[in-house]
Amino acid sequence: MGQFLPYIQVLLSILLVAGILLQRSEASLGAAFGSGDAGGTRFSRRGFEKILFNGTIVLAVLFAASAFATLLLS
């Protein structure tokens, strides 16, 4: 199992980066400084966006667990 962990971590990291980059971002440069079009609009995640959000959380937990397992096995 220890010999496959680096490959698992590489795969999880690629999937995690892809999941993060595919998510919708509402932050603009103006919103970072307290102005802009961020006027209190809230949205709820539905459909694929919700699946992507939850999948990204699962991937992050799996990546952290694999990193911790690598630390314990080395």
N, C-alpha and C. Protein backbone atom coordinates (compact mmCIF):
# COMPACT_ATOMS: atom_id res chain seq x y z
N MET A 1 0.82 -1.20 0.00
CA MET A 1 0.00 0.00 0.00
C MET A 1 0.86 1.26 0.00
N GLY A 2 1.97 1.21 0.72
CA GLY A 2 2.85 2.36 0.80
C GLY A 2 3.46 2.77 -0.52
N GLN A 3 3.60 1.81 -1.42
CA GLN A 3 4.20 2.12 -2.71
C GLN A 3 3.21 2.79 -3.66
N PHE A 4 1.92 2.68 -3.39
CA PHE A 4 0.91 3.30 -4.25
C PHE A 4 0.46 4.67 -3.75
N LEU A 5 0.78 5.03 -2.51
CA LEU A 5 0.32 6.30 -1.96
C LEU A 5 0.78 7.54 -2.74
N PRO A 6 2.03 7.60 -3.21
CA PRO A 6 2.40 8.79 -3.99
C PRO A 6 1.57 8.95 -5.27
N TYR A 7 1.27 7.84 -5.91
CA TYR A 7 0.45 7.91 -7.13
C TYR A 7 -0.99 8.32 -6.80
N ILE A 8 -1.49 7.84 -5.69
CA ILE A 8 -2.84 8.22 -5.26
C ILE A 8 -2.87 9.71 -4.93
N GLN A 9 -1.83 10.21 -4.27
CA GLN A 9 -1.79 11.63 -3.93
C GLN A 9 -1.71 12.51 -5.17
N VAL A 10 -0.95 12.09 -6.17
CA VAL A 10 -0.85 12.87 -7.40
C VAL A 10 -2.21 12.92 -8.09
N LEU A 11 -2.89 11.78 -8.17
CA LEU A 11 -4.20 11.74 -8.79
C LEU A 11 -5.21 12.60 -8.02
N LEU A 12 -5.20 12.49 -6.70
CA LEU A 12 -6.12 13.29 -5.88
C LEU A 12 -5.82 14.78 -6.01
N SER A 13 -4.55 15.14 -6.09
CA SER A 13 -4.22 16.56 -6.20
C SER A 13 -4.66 17.13 -7.54
N ILE A 14 -4.51 16.38 -8.60
CA ILE A 14 -4.97 16.85 -9.92
C ILE A 14 -6.48 17.01 -9.93
N LEU A 15 -7.20 16.03 -9.37
CA LEU A 15 -8.66 16.13 -9.32
C LEU A 15 -9.11 17.28 -8.42
N LEU A 16 -8.39 17.51 -7.33
CA LEU A 16 -8.74 18.59 -6.42
C LEU A 16 -8.54 19.95 -7.07
N VAL A 17 -7.44 20.14 -7.78
CA VAL A 17 -7.20 21.40 -8.48
C VAL A 17 -8.27 21.62 -9.56
N ALA A 18 -8.61 20.58 -10.29
CA ALA A 18 -9.64 20.71 -11.32
C ALA A 18 -10.99 21.05 -10.70
N GLY A 19 -11.33 20.43 -9.58
CA GLY A 19 -12.59 20.72 -8.90
C GLY A 19 -12.66 22.15 -8.40
N ILE A 20 -11.56 22.65 -7.88
CA ILE A 20 -11.53 24.03 -7.39
C ILE A 20 -11.64 25.02 -8.54
N LEU A 21 -10.93 24.76 -9.63
CA LEU A 21 -10.95 25.69 -10.76
C LEU A 21 -12.29 25.71 -11.50
N LEU A 22 -13.05 24.62 -11.43
CA LEU A 22 -14.34 24.58 -12.12
C LEU A 22 -15.45 25.27 -11.35
N GLN A 23 -15.22 25.60 -10.09
CA GLN A 23 -16.27 26.20 -9.29
C GLN A 23 -16.48 27.66 -9.66
N ARG A 24 -17.69 28.11 -9.46
CA ARG A 24 -18.08 29.48 -9.76
C ARG A 24 -17.54 30.41 -8.69
N SER A 25 -17.02 31.54 -9.11
CA SER A 25 -16.50 32.52 -8.18
C SER A 25 -17.27 33.81 -8.31
N GLU A 26 -17.76 34.34 -7.20
CA GLU A 26 -18.50 35.59 -7.21
C GLU A 26 -17.63 36.77 -6.83
N ALA A 27 -16.39 36.53 -6.47
CA ALA A 27 -15.53 37.61 -6.01
C ALA A 27 -14.88 38.30 -7.20
N SER A 28 -14.97 39.61 -7.20
CA SER A 28 -14.28 40.40 -8.21
C SER A 28 -13.27 41.29 -7.49
N LEU A 29 -12.49 42.01 -8.24
CA LEU A 29 -11.46 42.86 -7.63
C LEU A 29 -12.11 43.97 -6.81
N GLY A 30 -13.23 44.49 -7.26
CA GLY A 30 -13.92 45.52 -6.50
C GLY A 30 -14.49 44.98 -5.19
N ALA A 31 -14.95 43.75 -5.20
CA ALA A 31 -15.50 43.15 -3.98
C ALA A 31 -14.41 42.91 -2.95
N ALA A 32 -13.19 42.73 -3.39
CA ALA A 32 -12.09 42.51 -2.46
C ALA A 32 -11.79 43.77 -1.66
N PHE A 33 -12.10 44.93 -2.21
CA PHE A 33 -11.83 46.20 -1.53
C PHE A 33 -13.09 46.82 -0.94
N GLY A 34 -14.18 46.07 -0.89
CA GLY A 34 -15.38 46.55 -0.22
C GLY A 34 -16.39 47.24 -1.11
N SER A 35 -16.19 47.23 -2.40
CA SER A 35 -17.17 47.84 -3.30
C SER A 35 -17.44 46.87 -4.44
N GLY A 36 -17.97 47.35 -5.50
CA GLY A 36 -18.23 46.49 -6.65
C GLY A 36 -19.66 46.00 -6.66
N ASP A 37 -19.91 44.97 -7.40
CA ASP A 37 -21.26 44.44 -7.59
C ASP A 37 -21.59 43.30 -6.64
N ALA A 38 -20.99 43.26 -5.48
CA ALA A 38 -21.24 42.18 -4.54
C ALA A 38 -22.40 42.52 -3.62
N GLY A 39 -23.36 43.26 -4.09
CA GLY A 39 -24.43 43.83 -3.28
C GLY A 39 -25.37 42.85 -2.63
N GLY A 40 -24.91 41.90 -1.91
CA GLY A 40 -25.75 41.04 -1.10
C GLY A 40 -26.51 39.97 -1.85
N THR A 41 -26.14 39.68 -3.05
CA THR A 41 -26.83 38.62 -3.78
C THR A 41 -26.32 37.27 -3.30
N ARG A 42 -27.23 36.44 -2.91
CA ARG A 42 -26.91 35.09 -2.44
C ARG A 42 -27.49 34.09 -3.43
N PHE A 43 -26.84 32.98 -3.55
CA PHE A 43 -27.36 31.95 -4.44
C PHE A 43 -27.21 30.60 -3.75
N SER A 44 -28.04 29.68 -4.15
CA SER A 44 -27.91 28.32 -3.62
C SER A 44 -27.40 27.42 -4.73
N ARG A 45 -26.57 26.52 -4.34
CA ARG A 45 -26.00 25.59 -5.33
C ARG A 45 -27.04 24.55 -5.68
N ARG A 46 -27.17 24.29 -6.99
CA ARG A 46 -28.13 23.31 -7.46
C ARG A 46 -27.50 22.48 -8.55
N GLY A 47 -27.95 21.28 -8.68
CA GLY A 47 -27.54 20.41 -9.77
C GLY A 47 -26.06 20.08 -9.75
N PHE A 48 -25.42 20.26 -10.90
CA PHE A 48 -24.02 19.89 -11.05
C PHE A 48 -23.12 20.72 -10.15
N GLU A 49 -23.49 21.97 -9.92
CA GLU A 49 -22.67 22.84 -9.07
C GLU A 49 -22.61 22.32 -7.64
N LYS A 50 -23.72 21.78 -7.14
CA LYS A 50 -23.75 21.21 -5.80
C LYS A 50 -22.94 19.92 -5.74
N ILE A 51 -23.04 19.10 -6.78
CA ILE A 51 -22.27 17.86 -6.84
C ILE A 51 -20.78 18.17 -6.89
N LEU A 52 -20.40 19.18 -7.67
CA LEU A 52 -19.00 19.59 -7.78
C LEU A 52 -18.48 20.12 -6.45
N PHE A 53 -19.29 20.91 -5.75
CA PHE A 53 -18.89 21.46 -4.45
C PHE A 53 -18.68 20.35 -3.43
N ASN A 54 -19.64 19.43 -3.33
CA ASN A 54 -19.52 18.33 -2.38
C ASN A 54 -18.38 17.38 -2.76
N GLY A 55 -18.19 17.15 -4.05
CA GLY A 55 -17.09 16.31 -4.51
C GLY A 55 -15.73 16.90 -4.19
N THR A 56 -15.62 18.23 -4.27
CA THR A 56 -14.37 18.90 -3.94
C THR A 56 -14.06 18.75 -2.46
N ILE A 57 -15.08 18.82 -1.62
CA ILE A 57 -14.87 18.61 -0.18
C ILE A 57 -14.41 17.18 0.09
N VAL A 58 -15.02 16.21 -0.57
CA VAL A 58 -14.63 14.81 -0.39
C VAL A 58 -13.19 14.60 -0.86
N LEU A 59 -12.83 15.18 -2.00
CA LEU A 59 -11.46 15.06 -2.50
C LEU A 59 -10.45 15.68 -1.55
N ALA A 60 -10.80 16.81 -0.96
CA ALA A 60 -9.89 17.46 -0.01
C ALA A 60 -9.68 16.60 1.23
N VAL A 61 -10.74 15.97 1.71
CA VAL A 61 -10.62 15.09 2.89
C VAL A 61 -9.79 13.86 2.53
N LEU A 62 -10.02 13.28 1.36
CA LEU A 62 -9.23 12.12 0.94
C LEU A 62 -7.76 12.47 0.75
N PHE A 63 -7.49 13.65 0.21
CA PHE A 63 -6.10 14.07 0.04
C PHE A 63 -5.42 14.26 1.38
N ALA A 64 -6.11 14.88 2.33
CA ALA A 64 -5.54 15.07 3.66
C ALA A 64 -5.31 13.72 4.35
N ALA A 65 -6.24 12.79 4.19
CA ALA A 65 -6.08 11.47 4.79
C ALA A 65 -4.91 10.71 4.16
N SER A 66 -4.74 10.83 2.86
CA SER A 66 -3.62 10.15 2.21
C SER A 66 -2.28 10.77 2.61
N ALA A 67 -2.26 12.08 2.81
CA ALA A 67 -1.03 12.72 3.27
C ALA A 67 -0.70 12.28 4.70
N PHE A 68 -1.71 12.16 5.53
CA PHE A 68 -1.50 11.70 6.90
C PHE A 68 -1.06 10.24 6.90
N ALA A 69 -1.63 9.41 6.03
CA ALA A 69 -1.21 8.01 5.93
C ALA A 69 0.23 7.89 5.46
N THR A 70 0.63 8.73 4.54
CA THR A 70 2.03 8.73 4.08
C THR A 70 2.96 9.11 5.22
N LEU A 71 2.55 10.07 6.02
CA LEU A 71 3.35 10.49 7.17
C LEU A 71 3.49 9.36 8.18
N LEU A 72 2.44 8.62 8.41
CA LEU A 72 2.49 7.53 9.37
C LEU A 72 3.29 6.34 8.87
N LEU A 73 3.25 6.08 7.57
CA LEU A 73 3.94 4.91 7.02
C LEU A 73 5.42 5.15 6.76
N SER A 74 5.84 6.40 6.76
CA SER A 74 7.26 6.66 6.47
C SER A 74 8.11 6.69 7.72
